[in-house]
Amino acid sequence: MVMLDLRTQAADTEPYADAVSLSDEDRSRAITTWKGRMVNEHVSARVFAALIPQLMKAGLDPAWQERVAVMIQDELRHARLCATMVHALGGEALAELPPLPSVPEHPDVPPLEGVLRNILSICCLSETVAVALIRAEHDTVSPESMQKTLSSILGDEVQHARFGWECFRALAPSMDDGLKARLSDYLVVAFKHVREHELHYLPLGTTPSIEAESVGVCDGVEARRLFFDAVNEVIIPGLESCGLNAQRAWDASYGQLN
């Protein structure tokens, strides 16, 4: 069992002094929520770390590699910020790390196509969804320190999503029809994955109290609505503008559900 232990880092930062009255149940839900974010942000660093050798192998602009290196640091810092919120709520910033699957290398396709698959999945899909969800959470929480924490994370996630969109818009004119068709086919798998992943972490259940929402516990129903809005209003039109058949891929992805 591998543990993520950020207790020292969390204790070294100043916990928020906002007076928030929470029931034991709401406090427990909030601690669980922030601890889950802490883990997710930490393990995201290894996803961006895997992109750098792929970008190098594809011969893409070193400036993009430098941006991805910064994104690795961002994710590690996000984990520490979330640990601070766990500590502030009275919890321990200590959690078991889940199994960490390897980031796909896509050896069945040329290096450029392989890294474009991952940029699609990681930045254009997952990070764009993250922007929508975190922005909504930022507008809901009330403690000033939580607002600042989510504001800091949100600003970085916007840049992470923007990286993917900038890559695609820069490279789209040089992509031939065959590459665009193959990436559109891959989107079927990518859409299925992001939908299953996000809905797993946005379960339907008891609606959180106003007090729980004020400290970061999300309403699963509302968060799911935001997820689908992000896909339909931002991601699909954005990818279509790059020449990918995103709408067809999204519709087809439902046929792969178990």
C-alpha atoms as a PDB file:
ATOM      1  CA  MET A   1       0.000   0.000   0.000  1.00  0.00           C
ATOM      2  CA  VAL A   2       1.448   3.360  -1.053  1.00  0.00           C
ATOM      3  CA  MET A   3       0.356   6.354   0.966  1.00  0.00           C
ATOM      4  CA  LEU A   4       0.300  10.013   0.012  1.00  0.00           C
ATOM      5  CA  ASP A   5       1.353  11.884   3.140  1.00  0.00           C
ATOM      6  CA  LEU A   6       1.082  15.663   2.916  1.00  0.00           C
ATOM      7  CA  ARG A   7       0.506  16.257   6.622  1.00  0.00           C
ATOM      8  CA  THR A   8       3.749  18.162   7.100  1.00  0.00           C
ATOM      9  CA  GLN A   9       3.133  20.409   4.101  1.00  0.00           C
ATOM     10  CA  ALA A  10      -0.454  21.045   5.196  1.00  0.00           C
ATOM     11  CA  ALA A  11       0.512  21.858   8.777  1.00  0.00           C
ATOM     12  CA  ASP A  12       3.240  24.246   7.605  1.00  0.00           C
ATOM     13  CA  THR A  13       0.698  26.439   5.831  1.00  0.00           C
ATOM     14  CA  GLU A  14      -1.700  28.744   7.575  1.00  0.00           C
ATOM     15  CA  PRO A  15      -5.116  27.119   8.010  1.00  0.00           C
ATOM     16  CA  TYR A  16      -8.120  29.286   7.309  1.00  0.00           C
ATOM     17  CA  ALA A  17      -9.580  31.129  10.248  1.00  0.00           C
ATOM     18  CA  ASP A  18     -13.063  31.492   8.773  1.00  0.00           C
ATOM     19  CA  ALA A  19     -15.790  30.585  11.196  1.00  0.00           C
ATOM     20  CA  VAL A  20     -17.761  27.768   9.562  1.00  0.00           C
ATOM     21  CA  SER A  21     -20.330  25.891  11.602  1.00  0.00           C
ATOM     22  CA  LEU A  22     -20.587  22.322  10.356  1.00  0.00           C
ATOM     23  CA  SER A  23     -22.299  19.208  11.599  1.00  0.00           C
ATOM     24  CA  ASP A  24     -20.089  16.167  12.106  1.00  0.00           C
ATOM     25  CA  GLU A  25     -21.564  14.614   8.960  1.00  0.00           C
ATOM     26  CA  ASP A  26     -20.941  17.708   6.836  1.00  0.00           C
ATOM     27  CA  ARG A  27     -17.405  18.075   8.149  1.00  0.00           C
ATOM     28  CA  SER A  28     -16.689  14.422   7.379  1.00  0.00           C
ATOM     29  CA  ARG A  29     -18.046  14.803   3.831  1.00  0.00           C
ATOM     30  CA  ALA A  30     -15.970  17.927   3.300  1.00  0.00           C
ATOM     31  CA  ILE A  31     -12.786  16.239   4.528  1.00  0.00           C
ATOM     32  CA  THR A  32     -13.448  13.263   2.257  1.00  0.00           C
ATOM     33  CA  THR A  33     -14.066  15.593  -0.701  1.00  0.00           C
ATOM     34  CA  TRP A  34     -10.881  17.599  -0.233  1.00  0.00           C
ATOM     35  CA  LYS A  35      -8.828  14.481   0.455  1.00  0.00           C
ATOM     36  CA  GLY A  36     -10.093  12.988  -2.806  1.00  0.00           C
ATOM     37  CA  ARG A  37      -9.095  16.170  -4.624  1.00  0.00           C
ATOM     38  CA  MET A  38      -5.693  16.043  -2.959  1.00  0.00           C
ATOM     39  CA  VAL A  39      -5.078  12.539  -4.327  1.00  0.00           C
ATOM     40  CA  ASN A  40      -6.445  13.299  -7.782  1.00  0.00           C
ATOM     41  CA  GLU A  41      -4.320  16.415  -8.182  1.00  0.00           C
ATOM     42  CA  HIS A  42      -1.183  14.624  -6.999  1.00  0.00           C
ATOM     43  CA  VAL A  43      -1.521  11.665  -9.346  1.00  0.00           C
ATOM     44  CA  SER A  44      -2.312  13.994 -12.258  1.00  0.00           C
ATOM     45  CA  ALA A  45       1.299  15.160 -12.158  1.00  0.00           C
ATOM     46  CA  ARG A  46       2.499  11.838 -13.536  1.00  0.00           C
ATOM     47  CA  VAL A  47       0.112  12.175 -16.490  1.00  0.00           C
ATOM     48  CA  PHE A  48       1.748  15.419 -17.601  1.00  0.00           C
ATOM     49  CA  ALA A  49       5.187  13.988 -16.848  1.00  0.00           C
ATOM     50  CA  ALA A  50       4.499  11.226 -19.377  1.00  0.00           C
ATOM     51  CA  LEU A  51       3.652  13.786 -22.053  1.00  0.00           C
ATOM     52  CA  ILE A  52       7.116  15.333 -22.132  1.00  0.00           C
ATOM     53  CA  PRO A  53       8.999  12.365 -23.674  1.00  0.00           C
ATOM     54  CA  GLN A  54       6.083  11.885 -26.074  1.00  0.00           C
ATOM     55  CA  LEU A  55       6.274  15.519 -27.177  1.00  0.00           C
ATOM     56  CA  MET A  56      10.029  15.121 -27.658  1.00  0.00           C
ATOM     57  CA  LYS A  57       9.621  11.932 -29.671  1.00  0.00           C
ATOM     58  CA  ALA A  58       7.068  13.649 -31.907  1.00  0.00           C
ATOM     59  CA  GLY A  59       9.486  16.535 -32.491  1.00  0.00           C
ATOM     60  CA  LEU A  60       7.041  19.191 -31.340  1.00  0.00           C
ATOM     61  CA  ASP A  61       8.012  22.706 -30.279  1.00  0.00           C
ATOM     62  CA  PRO A  62      10.244  22.645 -27.150  1.00  0.00           C
ATOM     63  CA  ALA A  63       8.262  25.635 -25.861  1.00  0.00           C
ATOM     64  CA  TRP A  64       5.293  23.297 -25.456  1.00  0.00           C
ATOM     65  CA  GLN A  65       7.478  20.854 -23.535  1.00  0.00           C
ATOM     66  CA  GLU A  66       8.427  23.665 -21.177  1.00  0.00           C
ATOM     67  CA  ARG A  67       4.776  24.501 -20.604  1.00  0.00           C
ATOM     68  CA  VAL A  68       4.022  20.889 -19.724  1.00  0.00           C
ATOM     69  CA  ALA A  69       6.894  20.877 -17.204  1.00  0.00           C
ATOM     70  CA  VAL A  70       5.206  23.797 -15.449  1.00  0.00           C
ATOM     71  CA  MET A  71       1.915  21.881 -15.479  1.00  0.00           C
ATOM     72  CA  ILE A  72       3.566  19.050 -13.531  1.00  0.00           C
ATOM     73  CA  GLN A  73       4.536  21.508 -10.806  1.00  0.00           C
ATOM     74  CA  ASP A  74       1.030  22.951 -10.872  1.00  0.00           C
ATOM     75  CA  GLU A  75      -0.572  19.607 -10.092  1.00  0.00           C
ATOM     76  CA  LEU A  76       1.798  18.873  -7.219  1.00  0.00           C
ATOM     77  CA  ARG A  77       1.080  22.316  -5.780  1.00  0.00           C
ATOM     78  CA  HIS A  78      -2.669  21.749  -6.150  1.00  0.00           C
ATOM     79  CA  ALA A  79      -2.354  18.601  -4.066  1.00  0.00           C
ATOM     80  CA  ARG A  80      -0.629  20.576  -1.325  1.00  0.00           C
ATOM     81  CA  LEU A  81      -3.317  23.264  -1.422  1.00  0.00           C
ATOM     82  CA  CYS A  82      -6.031  20.640  -1.102  1.00  0.00           C
ATOM     83  CA  ALA A  83      -4.117  19.054   1.782  1.00  0.00           C
ATOM     84  CA  THR A  84      -4.218  22.405   3.520  1.00  0.00           C
ATOM     85  CA  MET A  85      -8.011  22.415   3.265  1.00  0.00           C
ATOM     86  CA  VAL A  86      -8.135  18.896   4.722  1.00  0.00           C
ATOM     87  CA  HIS A  87      -6.016  20.118   7.624  1.00  0.00           C
ATOM     88  CA  ALA A  88      -8.132  23.240   8.085  1.00  0.00           C
ATOM     89  CA  LEU A  89     -11.279  21.129   8.315  1.00  0.00           C
ATOM     90  CA  GLY A  90      -9.740  19.021  11.060  1.00  0.00           C
ATOM     91  CA  GLY A  91      -8.680  16.054   8.945  1.00  0.00           C
ATOM     92  CA  GLU A  92      -5.336  14.375   8.253  1.00  0.00           C
ATOM     93  CA  ALA A  93      -3.782  14.981   4.855  1.00  0.00           C
ATOM     94  CA  LEU A  94      -2.970  11.292   4.515  1.00  0.00           C
ATOM     95  CA  ALA A  95      -4.537   8.961   1.957  1.00  0.00           C
ATOM     96  CA  GLU A  96      -3.878   5.740   0.106  1.00  0.00           C
ATOM     97  CA  LEU A  97      -2.814   6.187  -3.494  1.00  0.00           C
ATOM     98  CA  PRO A  98      -4.931   4.250  -5.990  1.00  0.00           C
ATOM     99  CA  PRO A  99      -3.363   2.009  -8.628  1.00  0.00           C
ATOM    100  CA  LEU A 100      -1.616   4.222 -11.161  1.00  0.00           C
ATOM    101  CA  PRO A 101      -2.124   2.923 -14.703  1.00  0.00           C
ATOM    102  CA  SER A 102       0.468   3.891 -17.251  1.00  0.00           C
ATOM    103  CA  VAL A 103      -0.286   6.794 -19.560  1.00  0.00           C
ATOM    104  CA  PRO A 104      -0.896   5.263 -23.019  1.00  0.00           C
ATOM    105  CA  GLU A 105       2.061   5.427 -25.383  1.00  0.00           C
ATOM    106  CA  HIS A 106       0.036   4.353 -28.456  1.00  0.00           C
ATOM    107  CA  PRO A 107       2.802   2.314 -30.140  1.00  0.00           C
ATOM    108  CA  ASP A 108       0.370   1.356 -32.913  1.00  0.00           C
ATOM    109  CA  VAL A 109       0.515   4.844 -34.449  1.00  0.00           C
ATOM    110  CA  PRO A 110       3.265   7.371 -35.343  1.00  0.00           C
ATOM    111  CA  PRO A 111       4.599   9.496 -32.427  1.00  0.00           C
ATOM    112  CA  LEU A 112       2.741  12.656 -33.460  1.00  0.00           C
ATOM    113  CA  GLU A 113      -0.584  10.882 -33.665  1.00  0.00           C
ATOM    114  CA  GLY A 114       0.051   9.174 -30.332  1.00  0.00           C
ATOM    115  CA  VAL A 115       0.781  12.373 -28.433  1.00  0.00           C
ATOM    116  CA  LEU A 116      -2.172  14.113 -30.099  1.00  0.00           C
ATOM    117  CA  ARG A 117      -4.427  11.348 -28.784  1.00  0.00           C
ATOM    118  CA  ASN A 118      -3.193  12.030 -25.260  1.00  0.00           C
ATOM    119  CA  ILE A 119      -3.458  15.813 -25.580  1.00  0.00           C
ATOM    120  CA  LEU A 120      -7.033  15.333 -26.771  1.00  0.00           C
ATOM    121  CA  SER A 121      -7.944  13.117 -23.848  1.00  0.00           C
ATOM    122  CA  ILE A 122      -6.021  14.917 -21.109  1.00  0.00           C
ATOM    123  CA  CYS A 123      -6.263  18.600 -22.010  1.00  0.00           C
ATOM    124  CA  CYS A 124      -9.128  19.134 -24.426  1.00  0.00           C
ATOM    125  CA  LEU A 125     -11.460  16.778 -22.585  1.00  0.00           C
ATOM    126  CA  SER A 126     -10.505  16.238 -18.930  1.00  0.00           C
ATOM    127  CA  GLU A 127      -8.975  19.637 -18.215  1.00  0.00           C
ATOM    128  CA  THR A 128     -11.793  21.496 -19.974  1.00  0.00           C
ATOM    129  CA  VAL A 129     -14.325  19.646 -17.838  1.00  0.00           C
ATOM    130  CA  ALA A 130     -12.252  20.442 -14.738  1.00  0.00           C
ATOM    131  CA  VAL A 131     -12.432  24.144 -15.537  1.00  0.00           C
ATOM    132  CA  ALA A 132     -16.242  24.048 -15.636  1.00  0.00           C
ATOM    133  CA  LEU A 133     -16.562  22.087 -12.389  1.00  0.00           C
ATOM    134  CA  ILE A 134     -13.980  24.060 -10.403  1.00  0.00           C
ATOM    135  CA  ARG A 135     -15.418  27.402 -11.536  1.00  0.00           C
ATOM    136  CA  ALA A 136     -18.826  26.340 -10.208  1.00  0.00           C
ATOM    137  CA  GLU A 137     -17.303  25.171  -6.915  1.00  0.00           C
ATOM    138  CA  HIS A 138     -15.439  28.457  -6.553  1.00  0.00           C
ATOM    139  CA  ASP A 139     -18.728  30.332  -6.856  1.00  0.00           C
ATOM    140  CA  THR A 140     -20.292  28.180  -4.139  1.00  0.00           C
ATOM    141  CA  VAL A 141     -17.705  28.023  -1.332  1.00  0.00           C
ATOM    142  CA  SER A 142     -17.775  30.735   1.312  1.00  0.00           C
ATOM    143  CA  PRO A 143     -14.523  30.621   3.360  1.00  0.00           C
ATOM    144  CA  GLU A 144     -12.119  33.124   1.847  1.00  0.00           C
ATOM    145  CA  SER A 145      -9.208  30.685   1.965  1.00  0.00           C
ATOM    146  CA  MET A 146     -11.196  28.079   0.023  1.00  0.00           C
ATOM    147  CA  GLN A 147     -12.099  30.686  -2.564  1.00  0.00           C
ATOM    148  CA  LYS A 148      -8.414  31.577  -2.895  1.00  0.00           C
ATOM    149  CA  THR A 149      -7.447  27.905  -3.116  1.00  0.00           C
ATOM    150  CA  LEU A 150      -9.967  27.166  -5.842  1.00  0.00           C
ATOM    151  CA  SER A 151      -9.097  30.397  -7.642  1.00  0.00           C
ATOM    152  CA  SER A 152      -5.437  29.365  -7.759  1.00  0.00           C
ATOM    153  CA  ILE A 153      -6.279  25.868  -8.991  1.00  0.00           C
ATOM    154  CA  LEU A 154      -8.787  27.203 -11.517  1.00  0.00           C
ATOM    155  CA  GLY A 155      -6.289  29.604 -13.047  1.00  0.00           C
ATOM    156  CA  ASP A 156      -3.867  26.748 -13.645  1.00  0.00           C
ATOM    157  CA  GLU A 157      -6.520  24.389 -15.015  1.00  0.00           C
ATOM    158  CA  VAL A 158      -7.553  27.051 -17.528  1.00  0.00           C
ATOM    159  CA  GLN A 159      -3.951  27.121 -18.754  1.00  0.00           C
ATOM    160  CA  HIS A 160      -3.811  23.315 -18.919  1.00  0.00           C
ATOM    161  CA  ALA A 161      -6.941  23.162 -21.055  1.00  0.00           C
ATOM    162  CA  ARG A 162      -5.754  26.087 -23.177  1.00  0.00           C
ATOM    163  CA  PHE A 163      -2.504  24.243 -23.889  1.00  0.00           C
ATOM    164  CA  GLY A 164      -4.414  21.409 -25.546  1.00  0.00           C
ATOM    165  CA  TRP A 165      -6.631  23.687 -27.588  1.00  0.00           C
ATOM    166  CA  GLU A 166      -3.673  25.786 -28.729  1.00  0.00           C
ATOM    167  CA  CYS A 167      -1.792  22.667 -29.820  1.00  0.00           C
ATOM    168  CA  PHE A 168      -4.695  21.427 -31.878  1.00  0.00           C
ATOM    169  CA  ARG A 169      -5.471  24.773 -33.453  1.00  0.00           C
ATOM    170  CA  ALA A 170      -1.815  25.242 -34.341  1.00  0.00           C
ATOM    171  CA  LEU A 171      -1.458  21.774 -35.876  1.00  0.00           C
ATOM    172  CA  ALA A 172      -4.916  21.350 -37.432  1.00  0.00           C
ATOM    173  CA  PRO A 173      -4.008  23.073 -40.735  1.00  0.00           C
ATOM    174  CA  SER A 174      -1.181  20.581 -41.302  1.00  0.00           C
ATOM    175  CA  MET A 175      -3.243  17.482 -40.446  1.00  0.00           C
ATOM    176  CA  ASP A 176      -4.333  15.486 -43.472  1.00  0.00           C
ATOM    177  CA  ASP A 177      -7.824  14.034 -43.742  1.00  0.00           C
ATOM    178  CA  GLY A 178      -6.618  10.575 -42.761  1.00  0.00           C
ATOM    179  CA  LEU A 179      -5.126  11.787 -39.489  1.00  0.00           C
ATOM    180  CA  LYS A 180      -8.248  13.781 -38.655  1.00  0.00           C
ATOM    181  CA  ALA A 181     -10.410  10.740 -39.368  1.00  0.00           C
ATOM    182  CA  ARG A 182      -8.276   8.497 -37.153  1.00  0.00           C
ATOM    183  CA  LEU A 183      -8.290  11.037 -34.314  1.00  0.00           C
ATOM    184  CA  SER A 184     -12.062  11.292 -34.663  1.00  0.00           C
ATOM    185  CA  ASP A 185     -12.265   7.512 -34.296  1.00  0.00           C
ATOM    186  CA  TYR A 186     -10.059   7.687 -31.201  1.00  0.00           C
ATOM    187  CA  LEU A 187     -12.407  10.292 -29.722  1.00  0.00           C
ATOM    188  CA  VAL A 188     -15.019   7.566 -29.341  1.00  0.00           C
ATOM    189  CA  VAL A 189     -12.763   5.853 -26.795  1.00  0.00           C
ATOM    190  CA  ALA A 190     -11.692   9.143 -25.188  1.00  0.00           C
ATOM    191  CA  PHE A 191     -15.250  10.378 -24.740  1.00  0.00           C
ATOM    192  CA  LYS A 192     -16.316   7.071 -23.212  1.00  0.00           C
ATOM    193  CA  HIS A 193     -13.403   7.207 -20.771  1.00  0.00           C
ATOM    194  CA  VAL A 194     -13.931  10.796 -19.627  1.00  0.00           C
ATOM    195  CA  ARG A 195     -17.678  10.259 -19.175  1.00  0.00           C
ATOM    196  CA  GLU A 196     -17.251   7.101 -17.099  1.00  0.00           C
ATOM    197  CA  HIS A 197     -14.457   8.701 -15.048  1.00  0.00           C
ATOM    198  CA  GLU A 198     -16.324  11.905 -14.302  1.00  0.00           C
ATOM    199  CA  LEU A 199     -19.673  10.282 -13.525  1.00  0.00           C
ATOM    200  CA  HIS A 200     -17.905   7.866 -11.172  1.00  0.00           C
ATOM    201  CA  TYR A 201     -16.632  10.816  -9.132  1.00  0.00           C
ATOM    202  CA  LEU A 202     -19.935  12.701  -9.399  1.00  0.00           C
ATOM    203  CA  PRO A 203     -22.311  10.116  -7.930  1.00  0.00           C
ATOM    204  CA  LEU A 204     -26.019  10.681  -7.530  1.00  0.00           C
ATOM    205  CA  GLY A 205     -26.995  10.564  -3.881  1.00  0.00           C
ATOM    206  CA  THR A 206     -27.975  12.724  -0.980  1.00  0.00           C
ATOM    207  CA  THR A 207     -28.054  16.389  -1.904  1.00  0.00           C
ATOM    208  CA  PRO A 208     -25.469  18.169   0.277  1.00  0.00           C
ATOM    209  CA  SER A 209     -26.635  20.763   2.767  1.00  0.00           C
ATOM    210  CA  ILE A 210     -26.002  24.447   2.089  1.00  0.00           C
ATOM    211  CA  GLU A 211     -23.302  24.350   4.772  1.00  0.00           C
ATOM    212  CA  ALA A 212     -21.586  21.360   3.138  1.00  0.00           C
ATOM    213  CA  GLU A 213     -21.672  23.014  -0.286  1.00  0.00           C
ATOM    214  CA  SER A 214     -20.138  26.124   1.271  1.00  0.00           C
ATOM    215  CA  VAL A 215     -17.006  24.113   2.105  1.00  0.00           C
ATOM    216  CA  GLY A 216     -16.637  22.324  -1.210  1.00  0.00           C
ATOM    217  CA  VAL A 217     -18.988  19.338  -1.164  1.00  0.00           C
ATOM    218  CA  CYS A 218     -20.517  19.304  -4.637  1.00  0.00           C
ATOM    219  CA  ASP A 219     -24.063  18.523  -5.659  1.00  0.00           C
ATOM    220  CA  GLY A 220     -23.705  15.485  -7.908  1.00  0.00           C
ATOM    221  CA  VAL A 221     -26.797  16.319  -9.957  1.00  0.00           C
ATOM    222  CA  GLU A 222     -25.650  19.863 -10.700  1.00  0.00           C
ATOM    223  CA  ALA A 223     -22.067  18.762 -11.357  1.00  0.00           C
ATOM    224  CA  ARG A 224     -23.267  16.178 -13.874  1.00  0.00           C
ATOM    225  CA  ARG A 225     -25.279  18.854 -15.652  1.00  0.00           C
ATOM    226  CA  LEU A 226     -22.147  20.996 -15.866  1.00  0.00           C
ATOM    227  CA  PHE A 227     -20.184  18.053 -17.254  1.00  0.00           C
ATOM    228  CA  PHE A 228     -22.619  17.502 -20.111  1.00  0.00           C
ATOM    229  CA  ASP A 229     -22.849  21.248 -20.763  1.00  0.00           C
ATOM    230  CA  ALA A 230     -19.047  21.433 -21.051  1.00  0.00           C
ATOM    231  CA  VAL A 231     -19.007  18.558 -23.528  1.00  0.00           C
ATOM    232  CA  ASN A 232     -21.869  19.823 -25.668  1.00  0.00           C
ATOM    233  CA  GLU A 233     -21.229  23.560 -25.557  1.00  0.00           C
ATOM    234  CA  VAL A 234     -17.419  23.755 -25.445  1.00  0.00           C
ATOM    235  CA  ILE A 235     -15.630  20.515 -26.288  1.00  0.00           C
ATOM    236  CA  ILE A 236     -17.635  19.228 -29.241  1.00  0.00           C
ATOM    237  CA  PRO A 237     -17.826  22.612 -31.048  1.00  0.00           C
ATOM    238  CA  GLY A 238     -14.137  23.266 -30.347  1.00  0.00           C
ATOM    239  CA  LEU A 239     -13.032  19.949 -31.815  1.00  0.00           C
ATOM    240  CA  GLU A 240     -15.372  20.290 -34.771  1.00  0.00           C
ATOM    241  CA  SER A 241     -13.708  23.636 -35.544  1.00  0.00           C
ATOM    242  CA  CYS A 242     -10.376  21.767 -35.734  1.00  0.00           C
ATOM    243  CA  GLY A 243     -11.779  19.397 -38.346  1.00  0.00           C
ATOM    244  CA  LEU A 244     -12.613  16.441 -36.088  1.00  0.00           C
ATOM    245  CA  ASN A 245     -15.987  14.711 -36.213  1.00  0.00           C
ATOM    246  CA  ALA A 246     -16.567  15.154 -32.504  1.00  0.00           C
ATOM    247  CA  GLN A 247     -20.354  15.014 -32.475  1.00  0.00           C
ATOM    248  CA  ARG A 248     -20.371  11.666 -34.237  1.00  0.00           C
ATOM    249  CA  ALA A 249     -17.701  10.387 -31.859  1.00  0.00           C
ATOM    250  CA  TRP A 250     -19.675  11.501 -28.784  1.00  0.00           C
ATOM    251  CA  ASP A 251     -22.822   9.812 -30.061  1.00  0.00           C
ATOM    252  CA  ALA A 252     -20.903   6.661 -30.957  1.00  0.00           C
ATOM    253  CA  SER A 253     -19.227   6.531 -27.530  1.00  0.00           C
ATOM    254  CA  TYR A 254     -22.527   5.500 -25.954  1.00  0.00           C
ATOM    255  CA  GLY A 255     -22.469   2.337 -27.999  1.00  0.00           C
ATOM    256  CA  GLN A 256     -19.328   1.263 -26.115  1.00  0.00           C
ATOM    257  CA  LEU A 257     -20.877   1.483 -22.667  1.00  0.00           C
ATOM    258  CA  ASN A 258     -20.989  -1.841 -20.863  1.00  0.00           C
END
